[in-house]
């Protein structure tokens, strides 16, 4: 009787397996350390390594959060004698591995919820199966090609944004579990602050916002009428965005790398530019925040039209989703075939992973409405909506033969979907547990 009561209590106890999550993060970090780039690499690696080390300003929008945190990281690791490139490459590895740890906690909690009503399953498996699924998801997510590729050399700022997405997802899960307890609203305030602060690294950090909003509307919409919570939320946004003041302040000091040179004549002008997202205010800073130098067309325009007047049509959108699947096809069986386009020996593995991930989404739905809404919305945001928003030209290697160079992307863009592939690895873990 004592053992039975202990088992029932343990099943009801939602204590997160933090040690397992730490182990999963350590596993991911171990993989990245074994394959860590010993120096700089192609594309933007040198720029971001250098700007993080000297507190410079990289190309717009300037990524102030990355630069400041990267500088602090570089100083700390300098105490152990590592070279500057290795220090910043380690920053990518650690932030990505930490994201694996938080996604582990999310996956485990969803599987616990899914199994909670299954009285036919023996008590030990109520404890073991969520760990099996979360560990499987960790391995699949951490070793996805693009995740691995971005985690062993600091080619972009995206691993920090993936960490933000994973952390916000865990905070959303914790709020859902404790929404009726006093002070639970602080989970939402903290999640909002981290997303907005993360947006000063890259706008990718805001992608959990639709999922979090729908979760709140489903689980406890009246919290949105709480004036104290709304006030704290506004303050969190104001405080998070204030990190962008680094750009004009540091630019005025003329660091060796000062791209865009977002110098402002007054702090008032800088504030207007920051809090209107570049719609008004200091012209140089607003230009940076709007990313004007890229000349990105609207989501409804055809980016391949040099005149800028054609509308985006169904054929181009179909190609853009094909381009996403091309990158998906690289993730878990890239070594089976060197061909950059899909439709070879990788395809069965990719379809299997796709199916397991969809199964994992069904597991989340069966775990409860809140879990299904959050995971489903986050998945759609990181895939369908992101493809639509990015509105790429024809894929670099996927474009039809004879497509002019100016109508293609200048290189492969799989790194924009790093969060999608990391998350899909965990959906696959849910699917494996479901199977």
Protein backbone atom coordinates (compact mmCIF):
# COMPACT_ATOMS: atom_id res chain seq x y z
CA UNK A 1 0.00 0.00 0.00
CA UNK A 2 2.84 2.36 0.81
CA UNK A 3 4.46 1.75 -2.60
CA UNK A 4 1.13 2.27 -4.38
CA UNK A 5 0.53 5.59 -2.60
CA UNK A 6 4.08 6.66 -3.43
CA UNK A 7 3.58 5.81 -7.13
CA UNK A 8 0.26 7.71 -7.31
CA UNK A 9 1.81 10.75 -5.64
CA UNK A 10 4.75 10.63 -8.01
CA UNK A 11 2.42 10.49 -11.02
CA UNK A 12 0.63 13.62 -9.81
CA UNK A 13 3.86 15.43 -8.99
CA UNK A 14 4.81 17.63 -11.97
CA UNK A 15 8.33 18.34 -10.73
CA UNK A 16 10.48 18.92 -13.82
CA UNK A 17 13.44 16.57 -14.39
CA UNK A 18 16.04 19.32 -14.29
CA UNK A 19 18.98 16.92 -13.95
CA UNK A 20 17.91 15.04 -17.08
CA UNK A 21 17.47 18.35 -18.92
CA UNK A 22 20.97 19.37 -17.84
CA UNK A 23 22.23 16.00 -19.08
CA UNK A 24 20.53 16.52 -22.45
CA UNK A 25 22.08 19.98 -22.74
CA UNK A 26 25.45 18.45 -21.82
CA UNK A 27 25.03 15.78 -24.48
CA UNK A 28 24.36 18.44 -27.11
CA UNK A 29 27.28 20.55 -25.91
CA UNK A 30 29.57 17.52 -26.01
CA UNK A 31 28.69 16.94 -29.67
CA UNK A 32 29.34 20.58 -30.50
CA UNK A 33 32.64 20.63 -28.62
CA UNK A 34 33.85 17.57 -30.51
CA UNK A 35 33.14 19.30 -33.81
CA UNK A 36 33.77 22.93 -32.79
CA UNK A 37 35.35 25.11 -35.46
CA UNK A 38 38.90 26.05 -34.36
CA UNK A 39 38.77 29.43 -36.07
CA UNK A 40 36.56 31.62 -38.24
CA UNK A 41 34.57 30.28 -41.21
CA UNK A 42 32.63 31.46 -44.24
CA UNK A 43 30.03 34.20 -44.62
CA UNK A 44 29.30 36.27 -41.50
CA UNK A 45 31.44 34.40 -38.99
CA UNK A 46 34.37 36.83 -39.01
CA UNK A 47 32.07 39.83 -38.70
CA UNK A 48 30.23 38.51 -35.66
CA UNK A 49 33.34 37.14 -33.97
CA UNK A 50 35.08 40.49 -34.38
CA UNK A 51 32.13 42.70 -33.37
CA UNK A 52 31.43 40.60 -30.28
CA UNK A 53 35.06 40.82 -29.24
CA UNK A 54 35.53 44.56 -29.77
CA UNK A 55 31.98 45.68 -28.96
CA UNK A 56 31.47 46.80 -32.53
CA UNK A 57 28.31 47.14 -34.60
CA UNK A 58 27.65 44.49 -37.28
CA UNK A 59 25.42 44.95 -40.30
CA UNK A 60 21.86 46.18 -39.69
CA UNK A 61 19.96 45.84 -37.48
CA UNK A 62 23.13 45.74 -35.37
CA UNK A 63 22.19 42.91 -32.97
CA UNK A 64 23.12 44.82 -29.78
CA UNK A 65 22.14 42.01 -27.38
CA UNK A 66 24.44 39.56 -29.16
CA UNK A 67 27.30 42.06 -29.24
CA UNK A 68 27.11 42.95 -25.54
CA UNK A 69 26.60 39.40 -24.26
CA UNK A 70 29.24 38.15 -26.69
CA UNK A 71 31.72 40.75 -25.42
CA UNK A 72 31.14 39.71 -21.81
CA UNK A 73 31.49 36.06 -22.84
CA UNK A 74 34.72 36.79 -24.69
CA UNK A 75 36.22 38.57 -21.68
CA UNK A 76 35.35 35.70 -19.33
CA UNK A 77 36.73 32.98 -21.60
CA UNK A 78 39.82 35.06 -22.22
CA UNK A 79 40.83 34.19 -18.66
CA UNK A 80 41.45 30.58 -19.73
CA UNK A 81 43.57 31.51 -22.72
CA UNK A 82 41.25 30.46 -25.56
CA UNK A 83 41.58 32.21 -28.91
CA UNK A 84 38.92 34.79 -29.77
CA UNK A 85 37.27 32.71 -32.53
CA UNK A 86 37.00 29.68 -30.25
CA UNK A 87 35.46 31.82 -27.48
CA UNK A 88 32.68 33.13 -29.73
CA UNK A 89 32.15 29.75 -31.40
CA UNK A 90 31.66 28.35 -27.89
CA UNK A 91 28.98 30.97 -27.32
CA UNK A 92 26.99 29.48 -30.21
CA UNK A 93 27.53 25.96 -28.86
CA UNK A 94 26.45 26.80 -25.31
CA UNK A 95 23.34 28.80 -26.25
CA UNK A 96 22.19 26.06 -28.62
CA UNK A 97 22.83 23.34 -26.04
CA UNK A 98 20.90 25.34 -23.43
CA UNK A 99 17.96 25.51 -25.85
CA UNK A 100 18.05 21.71 -26.03
CA UNK A 101 17.75 21.58 -22.24
CA UNK A 102 14.66 23.80 -22.15
CA UNK A 103 12.99 21.98 -25.05
CA UNK A 104 13.69 18.74 -23.13
CA UNK A 105 11.60 20.08 -20.23
CA UNK A 106 8.78 21.09 -22.59
CA UNK A 107 8.69 17.68 -24.29
CA UNK A 108 8.79 15.82 -20.99
CA UNK A 109 5.91 17.85 -19.53
CA UNK A 110 3.71 17.27 -22.59
CA UNK A 111 4.34 13.53 -22.47
CA UNK A 112 3.53 13.48 -18.74
CA UNK A 113 0.23 15.22 -19.50
CA UNK A 114 -0.52 12.80 -22.35
CA UNK A 115 0.04 9.76 -20.12
CA UNK A 116 -1.72 11.16 -17.04
CA UNK A 117 -5.09 9.63 -17.88
CA UNK A 118 -3.75 6.25 -19.00
CA UNK A 119 -4.43 3.89 -16.11
CA UNK A 120 -3.51 0.80 -18.13
CA UNK A 121 0.13 1.81 -18.32
CA UNK A 122 2.21 0.63 -15.38
CA UNK A 123 3.48 3.28 -12.99
CA UNK A 124 7.17 2.91 -13.91
CA UNK A 125 6.38 3.65 -17.56
CA UNK A 126 4.49 6.79 -16.60
CA UNK A 127 7.89 7.96 -15.40
CA UNK A 128 10.14 6.39 -18.02
CA UNK A 129 8.32 7.02 -21.28
CA UNK A 130 8.37 10.85 -21.00
CA UNK A 131 12.11 10.64 -20.39
CA UNK A 132 12.55 8.35 -23.40
CA UNK A 133 10.65 10.77 -25.63
CA UNK A 134 12.43 13.85 -24.32
CA UNK A 135 15.87 12.25 -24.68
CA UNK A 136 15.01 11.08 -28.22
CA UNK A 137 13.87 14.60 -29.04
CA UNK A 138 17.07 16.05 -27.64
CA UNK A 139 19.20 13.85 -29.85
CA UNK A 140 17.09 14.54 -32.93
CA UNK A 141 16.88 18.28 -32.31
CA UNK A 142 20.52 18.87 -31.36
CA UNK A 143 21.91 16.90 -34.31
CA UNK A 144 19.69 18.30 -37.06
CA UNK A 145 22.11 19.46 -39.75
CA UNK A 146 21.33 23.19 -39.62
CA UNK A 147 21.22 23.23 -35.81
CA UNK A 148 24.58 21.48 -35.63
CA UNK A 149 26.02 23.64 -38.40
CA UNK A 150 25.09 26.88 -36.62
CA UNK A 151 26.17 25.56 -33.21
CA UNK A 152 29.81 24.76 -33.82
CA UNK A 153 30.73 28.08 -35.42
CA UNK A 154 29.14 31.47 -34.72
CA UNK A 155 28.05 32.11 -38.30
CA UNK A 156 24.96 34.07 -37.25
CA UNK A 157 23.12 35.26 -34.15
CA UNK A 158 20.41 32.62 -34.39
CA UNK A 159 21.41 30.19 -31.63
CA UNK A 160 20.74 32.91 -29.06
CA UNK A 161 17.26 33.41 -30.54
CA UNK A 162 16.61 29.65 -30.47
CA UNK A 163 17.48 29.74 -26.76
CA UNK A 164 14.94 32.55 -26.30
CA UNK A 165 12.26 30.50 -28.09
CA UNK A 166 12.97 27.42 -25.97
CA UNK A 167 13.06 29.38 -22.69
CA UNK A 168 9.82 31.21 -23.50
CA UNK A 169 8.19 27.88 -24.35
CA UNK A 170 9.20 26.51 -20.95
CA UNK A 171 7.86 29.62 -19.21
CA UNK A 172 4.58 29.17 -21.10
CA UNK A 173 4.36 25.59 -19.86
CA UNK A 174 5.08 26.66 -16.28
CA UNK A 175 2.41 29.37 -16.47
CA UNK A 176 -0.11 26.86 -17.79
CA UNK A 177 0.62 24.55 -14.84
CA UNK A 178 0.39 27.33 -12.24
CA UNK A 179 -2.04 29.78 -13.80
CA UNK A 180 -4.41 29.72 -10.81
CA UNK A 181 -1.67 30.29 -8.23
CA UNK A 182 -0.83 33.75 -6.84
CA UNK A 183 1.96 35.39 -8.78
CA UNK A 184 1.63 33.13 -11.83
CA UNK A 185 1.34 36.21 -14.04
CA UNK A 186 5.04 36.84 -13.56
CA UNK A 187 5.73 33.89 -15.87
CA UNK A 188 3.94 35.78 -18.64
CA UNK A 189 5.70 39.05 -17.86
CA UNK A 190 9.08 37.32 -17.86
CA UNK A 191 8.29 35.52 -21.12
CA UNK A 192 7.27 38.81 -22.75
CA UNK A 193 10.39 40.58 -21.49
CA UNK A 194 12.69 37.83 -22.75
CA UNK A 195 11.05 37.87 -26.20
CA UNK A 196 11.30 41.65 -26.52
CA UNK A 197 14.85 41.71 -25.18
CA UNK A 198 15.66 38.87 -27.59
CA UNK A 199 14.31 40.96 -30.46
CA UNK A 200 17.31 43.26 -29.95
CA UNK A 201 19.36 40.23 -30.95
CA UNK A 202 17.06 39.18 -33.83
CA UNK A 203 13.34 39.38 -34.57
CA UNK A 204 13.25 35.57 -34.61
CA UNK A 205 12.96 35.82 -30.82
CA UNK A 206 9.38 37.11 -31.19
CA UNK A 207 8.12 33.99 -32.97
CA UNK A 208 6.67 32.33 -29.83
CA UNK A 209 4.34 35.32 -29.31
CA UNK A 210 1.34 33.95 -31.31
CA UNK A 211 1.55 30.59 -29.52
CA UNK A 212 1.80 32.25 -26.11
CA UNK A 213 -1.10 34.57 -26.88
CA UNK A 214 -3.40 31.75 -27.98
CA UNK A 215 -2.42 29.68 -24.95
CA UNK A 216 -3.45 32.53 -22.63
CA UNK A 217 -6.74 33.06 -24.52
CA UNK A 218 -7.55 29.38 -24.23
CA UNK A 219 -6.47 28.71 -20.66
CA UNK A 220 -7.24 31.93 -18.76
CA UNK A 221 -8.22 34.91 -20.94
CA UNK A 222 -9.28 37.06 -17.98
CA UNK A 223 -5.64 37.64 -17.05
CA UNK A 224 -5.56 40.03 -20.00
CA UNK A 225 -7.96 42.27 -18.07
CA UNK A 226 -5.64 42.44 -15.06
CA UNK A 227 -4.48 46.07 -15.02
CA UNK A 228 -1.43 45.31 -12.87
CA UNK A 229 -0.32 42.55 -15.22
CA UNK A 230 -0.86 44.78 -18.26
CA UNK A 231 1.17 47.56 -16.65
CA UNK A 232 4.01 45.17 -15.93
CA UNK A 233 3.81 43.88 -19.49
CA UNK A 234 4.13 47.39 -20.92
CA UNK A 235 7.10 48.10 -18.66
CA UNK A 236 8.67 44.81 -19.77
CA UNK A 237 8.36 45.88 -23.43
CA UNK A 238 9.80 49.33 -22.74
CA UNK A 239 12.69 47.89 -20.75
CA UNK A 240 13.43 45.14 -23.27
CA UNK A 241 13.53 47.50 -26.25
CA UNK A 242 15.75 49.94 -24.36
CA UNK A 243 18.70 47.67 -25.13
CA UNK A 244 18.67 49.19 -28.62
CA UNK A 245 20.03 52.44 -27.12
CA UNK A 246 23.39 50.66 -27.24
CA UNK A 247 23.47 51.25 -31.01
CA UNK A 248 23.60 55.07 -31.12
CA UNK A 249 25.65 55.28 -27.92
CA UNK A 250 28.33 52.89 -29.11
CA UNK A 251 28.26 54.12 -32.70
CA UNK A 252 29.02 57.66 -31.52
CA UNK A 253 32.28 56.29 -30.06
CA UNK A 254 33.31 55.18 -33.58
CA UNK A 255 34.38 51.55 -32.95
CA UNK A 256 36.56 49.98 -35.64
CA UNK A 257 33.53 48.11 -37.01
CA UNK A 258 30.59 50.52 -37.16
CA UNK A 259 28.30 49.34 -39.96
CA UNK A 260 25.36 51.58 -40.72
CA UNK A 261 26.78 54.14 -38.27
CA UNK A 262 23.45 54.66 -36.41
CA UNK A 263 24.50 57.90 -34.70
CA UNK A 264 21.71 60.16 -33.40
CA UNK A 265 21.70 63.89 -32.62
CA UNK A 266 19.57 63.40 -29.52
CA UNK A 267 18.37 60.67 -27.20
CA UNK A 268 14.80 61.77 -27.88
CA UNK A 269 15.23 61.05 -31.58
CA UNK A 270 16.83 57.71 -30.73
CA UNK A 271 13.94 56.84 -28.41
CA UNK A 272 11.35 57.65 -31.07
CA UNK A 273 13.17 55.44 -33.59
CA UNK A 274 13.46 52.57 -31.10
CA UNK A 275 9.88 52.63 -29.85
CA UNK A 276 8.34 53.06 -33.31
CA UNK A 277 10.56 50.32 -34.76
CA UNK A 278 12.14 52.77 -37.16
CA UNK A 279 8.95 54.43 -38.41
CA UNK A 280 10.06 57.84 -37.14
CA UNK A 281 12.84 59.53 -35.19
CA UNK A 282 16.61 59.48 -35.69
CA UNK A 283 17.07 58.74 -39.38
CA UNK A 284 20.31 56.74 -39.21
CA UNK A 285 19.04 54.52 -36.39
CA UNK A 286 15.62 54.11 -37.98
CA UNK A 287 17.28 53.09 -41.26
CA UNK A 288 19.19 50.36 -39.41
CA UNK A 289 16.19 49.09 -37.46
CA UNK A 290 14.07 48.91 -40.63
CA UNK A 291 16.85 47.03 -42.45
CA UNK A 292 16.45 49.41 -45.39
CA UNK A 293 19.74 48.41 -47.00
CA UNK A 294 18.32 45.01 -47.98
CA UNK A 295 15.44 46.44 -50.00
CA UNK A 296 13.19 43.58 -48.89
CA UNK A 297 9.85 43.62 -50.76
CA UNK A 298 6.51 43.22 -49.02
CA UNK A 299 5.19 39.71 -48.36
CA UNK A 300 2.67 40.17 -51.20
CA UNK A 301 5.25 41.25 -53.80
CA UNK A 302 7.19 38.99 -56.16
CA UNK A 303 10.83 39.27 -54.99
CA UNK A 304 12.08 37.97 -58.34
CA UNK A 305 10.58 40.92 -60.28
CA UNK A 306 13.31 43.55 -60.83
CA UNK A 307 10.62 46.18 -61.46
CA UNK A 308 9.05 45.55 -58.05
CA UNK A 309 5.49 45.63 -59.34
CA UNK A 310 4.55 41.97 -59.87
CA UNK A 311 2.46 40.23 -57.23
CA UNK A 312 3.52 37.03 -55.54
CA UNK A 313 1.73 34.14 -57.23
CA UNK A 314 0.85 30.56 -56.26
CA UNK A 315 3.68 29.11 -58.36
CA UNK A 316 6.35 31.06 -56.46
CA UNK A 317 4.79 30.23 -53.09
CA UNK A 318 4.76 26.54 -54.02
CA UNK A 319 8.47 26.80 -54.85
CA UNK A 320 9.14 28.52 -51.51
CA UNK A 321 7.52 25.65 -49.60
CA UNK A 322 9.47 23.22 -51.78
CA UNK A 323 12.59 25.15 -50.78
CA UNK A 324 11.69 24.65 -47.10
CA UNK A 325 11.27 20.92 -47.67
CA UNK A 326 14.64 20.89 -49.44
CA UNK A 327 16.25 22.16 -46.24
CA UNK A 328 14.14 19.79 -44.11
CA UNK A 329 15.47 16.95 -46.26
CA UNK A 330 19.03 17.88 -45.30
CA UNK A 331 18.50 17.62 -41.57
CA UNK A 332 18.60 13.96 -40.49
CA UNK A 333 20.09 12.02 -43.40
CA UNK A 334 22.41 14.45 -45.12
CA UNK A 335 25.24 11.92 -45.27
CA UNK A 336 23.25 9.50 -47.43
CA UNK A 337 23.51 11.66 -50.55
CA UNK A 338 25.48 14.78 -51.44
CA UNK A 339 22.83 16.14 -53.82
CA UNK A 340 21.48 19.48 -52.56
CA UNK A 341 17.98 18.86 -53.94
CA UNK A 342 15.48 16.36 -52.48
CA UNK A 343 14.33 13.17 -54.17
CA UNK A 344 17.21 10.76 -53.50
CA UNK A 345 18.16 8.19 -50.85
CA UNK A 346 17.55 10.74 -48.07
CA UNK A 347 13.86 10.94 -48.86
CA UNK A 348 12.61 7.86 -46.91
CA UNK A 349 14.37 9.08 -43.76
CA UNK A 350 13.03 12.60 -44.20
CA UNK A 351 9.48 11.33 -44.70
CA UNK A 352 9.80 9.10 -41.64
CA UNK A 353 10.93 12.06 -39.51
CA UNK A 354 8.16 14.19 -40.99
CA UNK A 355 5.60 11.54 -40.08
CA UNK A 356 6.95 11.09 -36.55
CA UNK A 357 6.86 14.85 -36.01
CA UNK A 358 3.23 15.04 -37.13
CA UNK A 359 2.50 12.14 -34.79
CA UNK A 360 4.21 14.12 -32.05
CA UNK A 361 1.87 17.03 -32.72
CA UNK A 362 -1.08 14.67 -32.28
CA UNK A 363 0.40 13.52 -28.97
CA UNK A 364 0.50 17.18 -27.88
CA UNK A 365 -3.14 17.64 -28.92
CA UNK A 366 -4.18 14.52 -26.99
CA UNK A 367 -2.25 15.73 -23.95
CA UNK A 368 -4.73 18.58 -23.64
CA UNK A 369 -6.03 21.65 -25.50
CA UNK A 370 -3.39 23.96 -24.06
CA UNK A 371 -0.47 21.76 -25.08
CA UNK A 372 -1.91 21.21 -28.56
CA UNK A 373 -2.62 24.90 -29.15
CA UNK A 374 0.82 26.03 -28.01
CA UNK A 375 2.85 23.40 -29.86
CA UNK A 376 0.65 23.50 -32.95
CA UNK A 377 0.79 27.29 -33.21
CA UNK A 378 4.53 27.43 -32.58
CA UNK A 379 5.11 24.76 -35.25
CA UNK A 380 2.94 26.55 -37.82
CA UNK A 381 4.66 29.86 -37.00
CA UNK A 382 8.16 28.42 -37.44
CA UNK A 383 7.25 26.69 -40.72
CA UNK A 384 4.27 27.86 -42.78
CA UNK A 385 4.07 31.45 -41.53
CA UNK A 386 7.85 31.91 -41.58
CA UNK A 387 8.08 30.70 -45.18
CA UNK A 388 5.30 33.11 -46.13
CA UNK A 389 6.88 36.04 -44.26
CA UNK A 390 10.43 35.54 -45.54
CA UNK A 391 9.22 35.51 -49.16
CA UNK A 392 12.47 34.22 -50.65
CA UNK A 393 13.46 34.32 -54.27
CA UNK A 394 14.03 31.01 -56.03
CA UNK A 395 16.22 28.70 -53.98
CA UNK A 396 19.97 28.97 -54.54
CA UNK A 397 20.33 25.34 -55.66
CA UNK A 398 16.64 24.54 -56.19
CA UNK A 399 15.87 27.15 -58.83
CA UNK A 400 14.81 25.79 -62.23
CA UNK A 401 17.64 25.45 -64.72
CA UNK A 402 18.29 28.68 -66.55
CA UNK A 403 16.93 30.92 -63.78
CA UNK A 404 18.92 34.19 -63.86
CA UNK A 405 21.23 34.79 -60.92
CA UNK A 406 19.35 37.89 -59.79
CA UNK A 407 16.16 35.85 -59.42
CA UNK A 408 17.83 33.37 -57.03
CA UNK A 409 18.79 33.74 -53.40
CA UNK A 410 22.49 34.56 -53.12
CA UNK A 411 23.13 31.45 -51.01
CA UNK A 412 21.33 28.69 -49.15
CA UNK A 413 19.01 30.09 -46.47
CA UNK A 414 18.45 27.06 -44.25
CA UNK A 415 19.73 28.95 -41.19
CA UNK A 416 16.52 31.00 -41.07
CA UNK A 417 14.72 27.79 -40.12
CA UNK A 418 17.08 26.65 -37.37
CA UNK A 419 14.36 26.98 -34.71
CA UNK A 420 11.94 25.02 -36.89
CA UNK A 421 14.35 22.09 -37.26
CA UNK A 422 15.31 22.14 -33.58
CA UNK A 423 11.64 22.06 -32.58
CA UNK A 424 10.84 19.35 -35.13
CA UNK A 425 13.46 17.13 -33.56
CA UNK A 426 11.52 17.32 -30.31
CA UNK A 427 8.21 16.69 -32.07
CA UNK A 428 9.87 13.57 -33.45
CA UNK A 429 10.74 12.57 -29.88
CA UNK A 430 7.07 12.98 -28.92
CA UNK A 431 6.17 10.87 -31.93
CA UNK A 432 8.62 8.15 -30.94
CA UNK A 433 7.09 8.03 -27.46
CA UNK A 434 3.64 7.94 -29.02
CA UNK A 435 4.66 5.06 -31.26
